[in-house]
Amino acid sequence: MRKPAKLIAAASTVAMLLGSTALVPSTAVAASAEMGKKIAEDRKAGNCFACHSYEGAHLPGNIGPPLVAMKARFPDKSKLRQWIADPTKTNPDTMMPPFGKHNILTEEEIDHVTEWVYTL
């Protein structure tokens, strides 16, 4: 095989491998979001639907705002995560529990819930 042909073959292989690994992050995000939904709907953990409505919620509450258009409301995902972890930093009078500060959820669970809420 001539050098240009080897180079093209090697480049094609690298492109194929990079393309296949590009699917991993989105799969990991989807899995994290699915775990977040389970945590959010667990009455002993997040229990988000006790206060919030969202598509698919069973008997949702109306104390908190509906969980819709979350990417538009929180373009910076880290601010959404901060809000879930400790909303009292932004609004000391909020009724939302500080899930991180009060150790209601672990840091990892907050990450999962943030991924799920960001899909709404």
N, C-alpha and C. Protein backbone atom coordinates (compact mmCIF):
# COMPACT_ATOMS: atom_id res chain seq x y z
N MET A 1 0.86 -1.17 0.00
CA MET A 1 0.00 0.00 0.00
C MET A 1 0.90 1.23 0.00
N ARG A 2 0.55 2.18 -0.81
CA ARG A 2 1.32 3.41 -0.87
C ARG A 2 1.04 4.25 0.37
N LYS A 3 1.93 5.16 0.68
CA LYS A 3 1.81 5.99 1.87
C LYS A 3 0.50 6.78 1.90
N PRO A 4 0.07 7.46 0.82
CA PRO A 4 -1.20 8.20 0.88
C PRO A 4 -2.38 7.28 1.18
N ALA A 5 -2.39 6.08 0.63
CA ALA A 5 -3.48 5.14 0.88
C ALA A 5 -3.50 4.72 2.35
N LYS A 6 -2.29 4.47 2.91
CA LYS A 6 -2.20 4.11 4.33
C LYS A 6 -2.69 5.26 5.21
N LEU A 7 -2.33 6.46 4.82
CA LEU A 7 -2.73 7.63 5.57
C LEU A 7 -4.25 7.80 5.56
N ILE A 8 -4.85 7.60 4.40
CA ILE A 8 -6.31 7.70 4.27
C ILE A 8 -6.99 6.61 5.09
N ALA A 9 -6.44 5.40 5.01
CA ALA A 9 -7.02 4.29 5.78
C ALA A 9 -6.93 4.56 7.28
N ALA A 10 -5.79 5.07 7.72
CA ALA A 10 -5.62 5.39 9.14
C ALA A 10 -6.57 6.50 9.56
N ALA A 11 -6.70 7.52 8.73
CA ALA A 11 -7.61 8.63 9.05
C ALA A 11 -9.05 8.15 9.10
N SER A 12 -9.42 7.25 8.21
CA SER A 12 -10.78 6.71 8.21
C SER A 12 -11.06 5.93 9.49
N THR A 13 -10.07 5.15 9.91
CA THR A 13 -10.21 4.37 11.15
C THR A 13 -10.37 5.29 12.36
N VAL A 14 -9.55 6.32 12.42
CA VAL A 14 -9.64 7.27 13.53
C VAL A 14 -10.99 7.96 13.53
N ALA A 15 -11.46 8.38 12.37
CA ALA A 15 -12.76 9.06 12.27
C ALA A 15 -13.88 8.13 12.71
N MET A 16 -13.79 6.87 12.32
CA MET A 16 -14.82 5.90 12.71
C MET A 16 -14.81 5.70 14.22
N LEU A 17 -13.62 5.56 14.80
CA LEU A 17 -13.53 5.37 16.25
C LEU A 17 -14.04 6.60 16.99
N LEU A 18 -13.68 7.78 16.54
CA LEU A 18 -14.15 9.00 17.19
C LEU A 18 -15.66 9.12 17.07
N GLY A 19 -16.20 8.75 15.94
CA GLY A 19 -17.65 8.80 15.74
C GLY A 19 -18.38 7.88 16.68
N SER A 20 -17.82 6.69 16.91
CA SER A 20 -18.49 5.74 17.80
C SER A 20 -18.40 6.17 19.25
N THR A 21 -17.31 6.84 19.64
CA THR A 21 -17.21 7.27 21.02
C THR A 21 -18.04 8.52 21.27
N ALA A 22 -18.44 9.22 20.22
CA ALA A 22 -19.28 10.40 20.40
C ALA A 22 -20.65 10.01 20.95
N LEU A 23 -21.03 8.75 20.77
CA LEU A 23 -22.32 8.29 21.28
C LEU A 23 -22.29 8.05 22.78
N VAL A 24 -21.13 7.78 23.32
CA VAL A 24 -21.01 7.45 24.75
C VAL A 24 -21.51 8.57 25.64
N PRO A 25 -21.07 9.82 25.46
CA PRO A 25 -21.54 10.87 26.35
C PRO A 25 -23.07 11.04 26.33
N SER A 26 -23.69 10.99 25.16
CA SER A 26 -25.14 11.17 25.12
C SER A 26 -25.85 9.99 25.79
N THR A 27 -25.30 8.80 25.66
CA THR A 27 -25.87 7.63 26.32
C THR A 27 -25.73 7.77 27.84
N ALA A 28 -24.57 8.25 28.27
CA ALA A 28 -24.35 8.44 29.70
C ALA A 28 -25.28 9.51 30.25
N VAL A 29 -25.49 10.57 29.50
CA VAL A 29 -26.40 11.65 29.93
C VAL A 29 -27.83 11.11 30.02
N ALA A 30 -28.23 10.31 29.03
CA ALA A 30 -29.58 9.74 29.04
C ALA A 30 -29.77 8.81 30.24
N ALA A 31 -28.75 8.01 30.54
CA ALA A 31 -28.84 7.11 31.69
C ALA A 31 -28.90 7.90 32.99
N SER A 32 -28.12 8.97 33.06
CA SER A 32 -28.14 9.83 34.24
C SER A 32 -29.50 10.48 34.41
N ALA A 33 -30.07 10.95 33.31
CA ALA A 33 -31.39 11.59 33.36
C ALA A 33 -32.46 10.58 33.80
N GLU A 34 -32.37 9.35 33.31
CA GLU A 34 -33.33 8.32 33.71
C GLU A 34 -33.22 8.03 35.21
N MET A 35 -31.99 7.97 35.72
CA MET A 35 -31.77 7.78 37.16
C MET A 35 -32.33 8.97 37.93
N GLY A 36 -32.12 10.17 37.39
CA GLY A 36 -32.64 11.38 38.02
C GLY A 36 -34.15 11.38 38.12
N LYS A 37 -34.81 10.89 37.09
CA LYS A 37 -36.28 10.80 37.13
C LYS A 37 -36.73 9.86 38.25
N LYS A 38 -36.04 8.75 38.38
CA LYS A 38 -36.39 7.79 39.46
C LYS A 38 -36.20 8.44 40.83
N ILE A 39 -35.11 9.16 40.99
CA ILE A 39 -34.86 9.84 42.27
C ILE A 39 -35.91 10.91 42.52
N ALA A 40 -36.21 11.68 41.49
CA ALA A 40 -37.18 12.78 41.60
C ALA A 40 -38.56 12.27 41.97
N GLU A 41 -38.91 11.10 41.47
CA GLU A 41 -40.25 10.55 41.72
C GLU A 41 -40.31 9.66 42.96
N ASP A 42 -39.19 9.43 43.59
CA ASP A 42 -39.14 8.62 44.81
C ASP A 42 -39.65 9.47 45.98
N ARG A 43 -40.70 9.03 46.61
CA ARG A 43 -41.29 9.80 47.71
C ARG A 43 -40.34 9.95 48.90
N LYS A 44 -39.36 9.08 49.03
CA LYS A 44 -38.41 9.17 50.14
C LYS A 44 -37.15 9.92 49.74
N ALA A 45 -37.07 10.38 48.51
CA ALA A 45 -35.87 11.09 48.04
C ALA A 45 -36.29 12.47 47.52
N GLY A 46 -36.32 12.63 46.20
CA GLY A 46 -36.63 13.93 45.62
C GLY A 46 -38.06 14.37 45.82
N ASN A 47 -39.00 13.47 45.51
CA ASN A 47 -40.43 13.75 45.67
C ASN A 47 -40.84 15.06 44.97
N CYS A 48 -40.25 15.31 43.80
CA CYS A 48 -40.47 16.58 43.10
C CYS A 48 -41.93 16.85 42.76
N PHE A 49 -42.67 15.78 42.40
CA PHE A 49 -44.05 16.01 41.99
C PHE A 49 -44.98 16.35 43.16
N ALA A 50 -44.47 16.31 44.37
CA ALA A 50 -45.29 16.76 45.50
C ALA A 50 -45.57 18.26 45.38
N CYS A 51 -44.64 18.98 44.75
CA CYS A 51 -44.78 20.44 44.61
C CYS A 51 -44.86 20.91 43.17
N HIS A 52 -44.29 20.15 42.24
CA HIS A 52 -44.20 20.57 40.85
C HIS A 52 -45.02 19.67 39.95
N SER A 53 -45.53 20.27 38.88
CA SER A 53 -46.15 19.47 37.83
C SER A 53 -45.17 19.38 36.67
N TYR A 54 -45.23 18.29 35.94
CA TYR A 54 -44.44 18.08 34.74
C TYR A 54 -45.13 16.98 33.95
N GLU A 55 -44.81 16.90 32.69
CA GLU A 55 -45.46 15.92 31.84
C GLU A 55 -45.23 14.52 32.38
N GLY A 56 -46.32 13.80 32.61
CA GLY A 56 -46.23 12.44 33.12
C GLY A 56 -46.30 12.32 34.63
N ALA A 57 -46.34 13.42 35.35
CA ALA A 57 -46.41 13.36 36.81
C ALA A 57 -47.76 12.83 37.25
N HIS A 58 -47.75 11.95 38.24
CA HIS A 58 -48.98 11.39 38.79
C HIS A 58 -49.41 12.22 39.99
N LEU A 59 -50.57 12.84 39.91
CA LEU A 59 -51.11 13.70 40.96
C LEU A 59 -50.10 14.77 41.39
N PRO A 60 -49.67 15.62 40.45
CA PRO A 60 -48.66 16.62 40.79
C PRO A 60 -49.19 17.73 41.68
N GLY A 61 -48.29 18.34 42.41
CA GLY A 61 -48.62 19.48 43.24
C GLY A 61 -48.57 20.77 42.44
N ASN A 62 -48.96 21.86 43.08
CA ASN A 62 -48.93 23.16 42.40
C ASN A 62 -48.31 24.24 43.29
N ILE A 63 -47.55 23.85 44.28
CA ILE A 63 -46.87 24.82 45.15
C ILE A 63 -45.72 25.47 44.39
N GLY A 64 -44.94 24.64 43.69
CA GLY A 64 -43.81 25.14 42.91
C GLY A 64 -44.23 25.33 41.46
N PRO A 65 -43.40 26.01 40.69
CA PRO A 65 -43.72 26.22 39.27
C PRO A 65 -43.66 24.91 38.50
N PRO A 66 -44.40 24.83 37.40
CA PRO A 66 -44.31 23.61 36.58
C PRO A 66 -42.90 23.46 36.00
N LEU A 67 -42.46 22.24 35.88
CA LEU A 67 -41.14 21.96 35.34
C LEU A 67 -41.27 21.80 33.82
N VAL A 68 -41.24 22.93 33.14
CA VAL A 68 -41.31 22.98 31.68
C VAL A 68 -40.28 23.97 31.17
N ALA A 69 -39.84 23.77 29.95
CA ALA A 69 -38.89 24.67 29.29
C ALA A 69 -37.68 24.97 30.18
N MET A 70 -37.15 23.95 30.79
CA MET A 70 -36.07 24.16 31.77
C MET A 70 -34.78 24.67 31.13
N LYS A 71 -34.48 24.25 29.90
CA LYS A 71 -33.27 24.77 29.24
C LYS A 71 -33.42 26.26 28.95
N ALA A 72 -34.63 26.70 28.65
CA ALA A 72 -34.86 28.13 28.40
C ALA A 72 -34.81 28.91 29.72
N ARG A 73 -35.32 28.33 30.78
CA ARG A 73 -35.34 29.01 32.07
C ARG A 73 -33.97 29.01 32.74
N PHE A 74 -33.19 27.96 32.49
CA PHE A 74 -31.84 27.83 33.06
C PHE A 74 -30.86 27.49 31.94
N PRO A 75 -30.49 28.48 31.11
CA PRO A 75 -29.53 28.18 30.04
C PRO A 75 -28.20 27.65 30.57
N ASP A 76 -27.85 28.04 31.77
CA ASP A 76 -26.63 27.55 32.41
C ASP A 76 -27.02 26.41 33.35
N LYS A 77 -26.72 25.19 32.94
CA LYS A 77 -27.12 24.01 33.72
C LYS A 77 -26.57 24.04 35.13
N SER A 78 -25.40 24.66 35.33
CA SER A 78 -24.82 24.70 36.67
C SER A 78 -25.68 25.54 37.62
N LYS A 79 -26.37 26.55 37.10
CA LYS A 79 -27.27 27.34 37.94
C LYS A 79 -28.50 26.54 38.34
N LEU A 80 -28.98 25.70 37.45
CA LEU A 80 -30.09 24.80 37.79
C LEU A 80 -29.64 23.84 38.88
N ARG A 81 -28.45 23.28 38.72
CA ARG A 81 -27.94 22.36 39.74
C ARG A 81 -27.80 23.05 41.09
N GLN A 82 -27.29 24.27 41.06
CA GLN A 82 -27.13 25.04 42.30
C GLN A 82 -28.50 25.30 42.94
N TRP A 83 -29.50 25.58 42.12
CA TRP A 83 -30.85 25.82 42.63
C TRP A 83 -31.39 24.57 43.32
N ILE A 84 -31.19 23.40 42.71
CA ILE A 84 -31.68 22.15 43.30
C ILE A 84 -30.91 21.84 44.59
N ALA A 85 -29.61 22.05 44.57
CA ALA A 85 -28.78 21.74 45.74
C ALA A 85 -29.08 22.65 46.92
N ASP A 86 -29.21 23.96 46.66
CA ASP A 86 -29.49 24.91 47.74
C ASP A 86 -30.14 26.17 47.20
N PRO A 87 -31.46 26.15 47.02
CA PRO A 87 -32.16 27.31 46.49
C PRO A 87 -32.14 28.51 47.45
N THR A 88 -31.82 28.27 48.72
CA THR A 88 -31.80 29.38 49.67
C THR A 88 -30.65 30.35 49.41
N LYS A 89 -29.65 29.92 48.64
CA LYS A 89 -28.56 30.83 48.28
C LYS A 89 -29.06 31.94 47.37
N THR A 90 -30.01 31.60 46.50
CA THR A 90 -30.57 32.57 45.57
C THR A 90 -31.79 33.27 46.16
N ASN A 91 -32.62 32.51 46.86
CA ASN A 91 -33.86 33.05 47.44
C ASN A 91 -34.02 32.50 48.87
N PRO A 92 -33.61 33.26 49.87
CA PRO A 92 -33.70 32.78 51.26
C PRO A 92 -35.12 32.46 51.71
N ASP A 93 -36.12 33.00 51.02
CA ASP A 93 -37.52 32.79 51.41
C ASP A 93 -38.20 31.66 50.65
N THR A 94 -37.45 30.92 49.85
CA THR A 94 -38.06 29.86 49.05
C THR A 94 -38.63 28.76 49.93
N MET A 95 -39.66 28.10 49.42
CA MET A 95 -40.24 26.96 50.11
C MET A 95 -39.57 25.66 49.70
N MET A 96 -38.75 25.73 48.64
CA MET A 96 -38.09 24.53 48.14
C MET A 96 -37.00 24.10 49.12
N PRO A 97 -36.98 22.81 49.46
CA PRO A 97 -35.94 22.34 50.40
C PRO A 97 -34.57 22.37 49.75
N PRO A 98 -33.54 22.70 50.51
CA PRO A 98 -32.17 22.64 50.00
C PRO A 98 -31.67 21.20 50.04
N PHE A 99 -31.86 20.49 48.94
CA PHE A 99 -31.60 19.05 48.90
C PHE A 99 -30.15 18.69 49.23
N GLY A 100 -29.22 19.54 48.86
CA GLY A 100 -27.82 19.27 49.17
C GLY A 100 -27.44 19.70 50.57
N LYS A 101 -27.78 20.92 50.91
CA LYS A 101 -27.41 21.47 52.22
C LYS A 101 -27.98 20.65 53.37
N HIS A 102 -29.15 20.10 53.20
CA HIS A 102 -29.79 19.31 54.26
C HIS A 102 -29.55 17.81 54.08
N ASN A 103 -28.67 17.46 53.14
CA ASN A 103 -28.32 16.06 52.88
C ASN A 103 -29.53 15.18 52.57
N ILE A 104 -30.51 15.77 51.90
CA ILE A 104 -31.67 15.00 51.45
C ILE A 104 -31.24 14.11 50.29
N LEU A 105 -30.42 14.68 49.40
CA LEU A 105 -29.85 13.95 48.27
C LEU A 105 -28.33 14.08 48.31
N THR A 106 -27.65 13.07 47.79
CA THR A 106 -26.20 13.13 47.67
C THR A 106 -25.83 14.03 46.49
N GLU A 107 -24.58 14.38 46.39
CA GLU A 107 -24.10 15.19 45.26
C GLU A 107 -24.37 14.46 43.94
N GLU A 108 -24.14 13.17 43.92
CA GLU A 108 -24.38 12.37 42.71
C GLU A 108 -25.87 12.35 42.36
N GLU A 109 -26.73 12.20 43.35
CA GLU A 109 -28.17 12.21 43.10
C GLU A 109 -28.61 13.58 42.56
N ILE A 110 -28.05 14.64 43.09
CA ILE A 110 -28.38 15.98 42.59
C ILE A 110 -27.96 16.11 41.13
N ASP A 111 -26.80 15.56 40.79
CA ASP A 111 -26.35 15.57 39.39
C ASP A 111 -27.36 14.85 38.50
N HIS A 112 -27.83 13.70 38.94
CA HIS A 112 -28.81 12.93 38.15
C HIS A 112 -30.12 13.69 38.01
N VAL A 113 -30.62 14.25 39.10
CA VAL A 113 -31.87 15.00 39.04
C VAL A 113 -31.72 16.21 38.12
N THR A 114 -30.59 16.87 38.19
CA THR A 114 -30.33 18.01 37.33
C THR A 114 -30.39 17.59 35.86
N GLU A 115 -29.78 16.46 35.52
CA GLU A 115 -29.82 15.98 34.14
C GLU A 115 -31.25 15.72 33.70
N TRP A 116 -32.05 15.11 34.58
CA TRP A 116 -33.44 14.82 34.22
C TRP A 116 -34.25 16.10 34.07
N VAL A 117 -34.16 17.00 35.04
CA VAL A 117 -34.94 18.24 34.97
C VAL A 117 -34.56 19.02 33.71
N TYR A 118 -33.32 18.95 33.31
CA TYR A 118 -32.86 19.68 32.13
C TYR A 118 -33.46 19.12 30.84
N THR A 119 -34.03 17.91 30.90
CA THR A 119 -34.68 17.35 29.71
C THR A 119 -36.12 17.83 29.59
N LEU A 120 -36.65 18.46 30.60
CA LEU A 120 -38.06 18.87 30.60
C LEU A 120 -38.26 20.20 29.90
